[in-house]
C-alpha atoms as a PDB file:
ATOM      1  CA  MET A   1      95.587  92.626 113.877  1.00  0.00           C
ATOM      2  CA  ALA A   2      97.092  95.045 116.396  1.00  0.00           C
ATOM      3  CA  GLY A   3      97.967  92.972 119.428  1.00  0.00           C
ATOM      4  CA  GLU A   4      97.543  89.679 117.567  1.00  0.00           C
ATOM      5  CA  THR A   5     100.425  87.385 116.872  1.00  0.00           C
ATOM      6  CA  ALA A   6     101.203  86.504 113.277  1.00  0.00           C
ATOM      7  CA  LEU A   7      99.944  82.980 113.891  1.00  0.00           C
ATOM      8  CA  GLU A   8      96.651  84.332 115.264  1.00  0.00           C
ATOM      9  CA  THR A   9      96.322  86.615 112.245  1.00  0.00           C
ATOM     10  CA  LEU A  10      96.954  83.721 109.847  1.00  0.00           C
ATOM     11  CA  LYS A  11      94.415  81.541 111.680  1.00  0.00           C
ATOM     12  CA  LYS A  12      91.775  84.291 111.637  1.00  0.00           C
ATOM     13  CA  LEU A  13      92.412  84.955 107.953  1.00  0.00           C
ATOM     14  CA  GLU A  14      92.004  81.263 107.100  1.00  0.00           C
ATOM     15  CA  GLU A  15      88.810  80.958 109.151  1.00  0.00           C
ATOM     16  CA  ASN A  16      87.302  84.080 107.603  1.00  0.00           C
ATOM     17  CA  GLN A  17      88.220  83.000 104.089  1.00  0.00           C
ATOM     18  CA  GLN A  18      86.558  79.624 104.687  1.00  0.00           C
ATOM     19  CA  GLN A  19      83.423  81.423 105.834  1.00  0.00           C
ATOM     20  CA  ILE A  20      83.522  83.682 102.771  1.00  0.00           C
ATOM     21  CA  ALA A  21      84.011  80.608 100.566  1.00  0.00           C
ATOM     22  CA  GLY A  22      80.886  79.119 102.117  1.00  0.00           C
ATOM     23  CA  MET A  23      78.907  82.172 101.025  1.00  0.00           C
ATOM     24  CA  LEU A  24      80.712  82.855  97.731  1.00  0.00           C
ATOM     25  CA  PRO A  25      82.063  79.453  96.667  1.00  0.00           C
ATOM     26  CA  GLU A  26      82.554  80.108  92.952  1.00  0.00           C
ATOM     27  CA  LEU A  27      84.169  83.470  93.502  1.00  0.00           C
ATOM     28  CA  MET A  28      86.602  82.132  96.097  1.00  0.00           C
ATOM     29  CA  LYS A  29      87.389  79.069  93.976  1.00  0.00           C
ATOM     30  CA  SER A  30      88.172  81.357  91.045  1.00  0.00           C
ATOM     31  CA  PHE A  31      90.208  83.712  93.217  1.00  0.00           C
ATOM     32  CA  LYS A  32      92.267  80.783  94.535  1.00  0.00           C
ATOM     33  CA  SER A  33      92.977  79.701  90.949  1.00  0.00           C
ATOM     34  CA  VAL A  34      94.068  83.207  89.988  1.00  0.00           C
ATOM     35  CA  HIS A  35      96.245  83.388  93.120  1.00  0.00           C
ATOM     36  CA  GLU A  36      97.973  80.098  92.305  1.00  0.00           C
ATOM     37  CA  ALA A  37      98.459  81.045  88.649  1.00  0.00           C
ATOM     38  CA  ALA A  38      99.846  84.473  89.527  1.00  0.00           C
ATOM     39  CA  LEU A  39     102.436  83.029  91.920  1.00  0.00           C
ATOM     40  CA  ALA A  40     103.468  80.037  89.805  1.00  0.00           C
ATOM     41  CA  ASP A  41     106.959  79.895  88.347  1.00  0.00           C
ATOM     42  CA  GLY A  42     107.212  81.466  84.921  1.00  0.00           C
ATOM     43  CA  ALA A  43     109.603  84.064  83.552  1.00  0.00           C
ATOM     44  CA  LEU A  44     109.746  85.187  87.193  1.00  0.00           C
ATOM     45  CA  THR A  45     110.227  82.620  89.912  1.00  0.00           C
ATOM     46  CA  SER A  46     107.666  82.045  92.626  1.00  0.00           C
ATOM     47  CA  ARG A  47     110.198  83.532  95.066  1.00  0.00           C
ATOM     48  CA  GLU A  48     110.416  86.740  93.054  1.00  0.00           C
ATOM     49  CA  LYS A  49     106.640  86.940  92.805  1.00  0.00           C
ATOM     50  CA  VAL A  50     106.232  86.513  96.568  1.00  0.00           C
ATOM     51  CA  LEU A  51     108.665  89.389  97.123  1.00  0.00           C
ATOM     52  CA  ILE A  52     106.737  91.542  94.639  1.00  0.00           C
ATOM     53  CA  GLY A  53     103.500  90.662  96.419  1.00  0.00           C
ATOM     54  CA  LEU A  54     105.041  91.545  99.764  1.00  0.00           C
ATOM     55  CA  GLY A  55     106.219  94.914  98.466  1.00  0.00           C
ATOM     56  CA  ILE A  56     102.740  95.661  97.159  1.00  0.00           C
ATOM     57  CA  ALA A  57     101.167  94.536 100.455  1.00  0.00           C
ATOM     58  CA  VAL A  58     103.441  96.940 102.331  1.00  0.00           C
ATOM     59  CA  ALA A  59     102.617  99.798  99.945  1.00  0.00           C
ATOM     60  CA  LYS A  60      98.880  99.008 100.165  1.00  0.00           C
ATOM     61  CA  GLN A  61      99.206  98.819 103.975  1.00  0.00           C
ATOM     62  CA  CYS A  62      97.370  95.485 104.214  1.00  0.00           C
ATOM     63  CA  HIS A  63      98.271  93.835 107.511  1.00  0.00           C
ATOM     64  CA  TYR A  64      96.640  90.531 106.529  1.00  0.00           C
ATOM     65  CA  CYS A  65      98.420  90.493 103.168  1.00  0.00           C
ATOM     66  CA  ILE A  66     101.755  91.318 104.769  1.00  0.00           C
ATOM     67  CA  THR A  67     101.353  88.448 107.215  1.00  0.00           C
ATOM     68  CA  ARG A  68     100.376  86.021 104.462  1.00  0.00           C
ATOM     69  CA  TYR A  69     103.275  87.064 102.193  1.00  0.00           C
ATOM     70  CA  VAL A  70     105.847  86.939 104.985  1.00  0.00           C
ATOM     71  CA  LYS A  71     104.630  83.420 105.790  1.00  0.00           C
ATOM     72  CA  ALA A  72     104.985  82.487 102.098  1.00  0.00           C
ATOM     73  CA  ALA A  73     108.493  83.987 102.066  1.00  0.00           C
ATOM     74  CA  VAL A  74     109.510  82.056 105.179  1.00  0.00           C
ATOM     75  CA  ASP A  75     108.087  78.861 103.662  1.00  0.00           C
ATOM     76  CA  LEU A  76     110.217  79.483 100.552  1.00  0.00           C
ATOM     77  CA  ASN A  77     113.326  80.104 102.694  1.00  0.00           C
ATOM     78  CA  ILE A  78     113.567  83.696 101.542  1.00  0.00           C
ATOM     79  CA  GLY A  79     115.961  85.474 103.861  1.00  0.00           C
ATOM     80  CA  LEU A  80     115.366  88.609 105.861  1.00  0.00           C
ATOM     81  CA  GLN A  81     117.746  90.670 103.711  1.00  0.00           C
ATOM     82  CA  GLU A  82     115.788  89.827 100.547  1.00  0.00           C
ATOM     83  CA  ILE A  83     112.532  90.628 102.328  1.00  0.00           C
ATOM     84  CA  MET A  84     113.876  93.969 103.573  1.00  0.00           C
ATOM     85  CA  GLU A  85     115.098  94.895 100.088  1.00  0.00           C
ATOM     86  CA  ALA A  86     111.604  94.242  98.691  1.00  0.00           C
ATOM     87  CA  CYS A  87     110.247  96.480 101.446  1.00  0.00           C
ATOM     88  CA  GLY A  88     112.853  99.071 100.513  1.00  0.00           C
ATOM     89  CA  VAL A  89     111.335  99.346  97.052  1.00  0.00           C
ATOM     90  CA  ALA A  90     107.916  99.826  98.660  1.00  0.00           C
ATOM     91  CA  MET A  91     109.452 102.589 100.801  1.00  0.00           C
ATOM     92  CA  LEU A  92     110.848 104.240  97.688  1.00  0.00           C
ATOM     93  CA  MET A  93     107.481 104.195  95.965  1.00  0.00           C
ATOM     94  CA  ASN A  94     105.225 104.883  98.962  1.00  0.00           C
ATOM     95  CA  GLY A  95     107.321 106.759 101.504  1.00  0.00           C
ATOM     96  CA  GLY A  96     106.777 106.906 105.237  1.00  0.00           C
ATOM     97  CA  PRO A  97     103.724 104.636 105.488  1.00  0.00           C
ATOM     98  CA  SER A  98     105.745 101.813 103.952  1.00  0.00           C
ATOM     99  CA  VAL A  99     108.494 102.402 106.484  1.00  0.00           C
ATOM    100  CA  ALA A 100     105.883 101.991 109.232  1.00  0.00           C
ATOM    101  CA  TYR A 101     104.383  98.843 107.679  1.00  0.00           C
ATOM    102  CA  THR A 102     107.824  97.339 107.223  1.00  0.00           C
ATOM    103  CA  SER A 103     107.886  97.093 111.016  1.00  0.00           C
ATOM    104  CA  VAL A 104     104.912  94.689 110.664  1.00  0.00           C
ATOM    105  CA  VAL A 105     107.014  92.692 108.203  1.00  0.00           C
ATOM    106  CA  LEU A 106     109.931  92.557 110.632  1.00  0.00           C
ATOM    107  CA  ASP A 107     107.753  91.574 113.611  1.00  0.00           C
ATOM    108  CA  THR A 108     106.013  88.879 111.556  1.00  0.00           C
ATOM    109  CA  TYR A 109     109.277  87.490 110.196  1.00  0.00           C
ATOM    110  CA  ASN A 110     110.820  87.412 113.669  1.00  0.00           C
ATOM    111  CA  GLU A 111     107.795  85.612 115.115  1.00  0.00           C
ATOM    112  CA  LEU A 112     107.581  83.055 112.330  1.00  0.00           C
ATOM    113  CA  THR A 113     111.297  82.267 112.429  1.00  0.00           C
ATOM    114  CA  LYS A 114     112.057  82.470 116.157  1.00  0.00           C
ATOM    115  CA  ASN A 115     112.195  78.696 116.611  1.00  0.00           C
ATOM    116  CA  ARG A 116     114.105  77.922 113.415  1.00  0.00           C
ATOM    117  CA  GLY A 117     117.544  76.381 113.646  1.00  0.00           C
END
């Protein structure tokens, strides 16, 4: 986490989740299904749901979750302004800690997009 790059964090998260799935296969299979269902397009788009998830991750101060949601946002071509506005709602609801964790969002976004055209 601290001192790790976003790519290192994502790799560690994936490796750990695979290990957890080896020990708790049914639980992780079910969790993956819930995750996919929760983020699927419906009345809200997948993009909107990723931004909601990111705002919650910032408010919950989950570094791993922030990294995963920023990656999902980048993959969906969600721009930095949209991401920052989602973080702004987290700041409204959670105050100073969300301001601090928004810096993790910004660092992660900048790292994941630095080689984009």
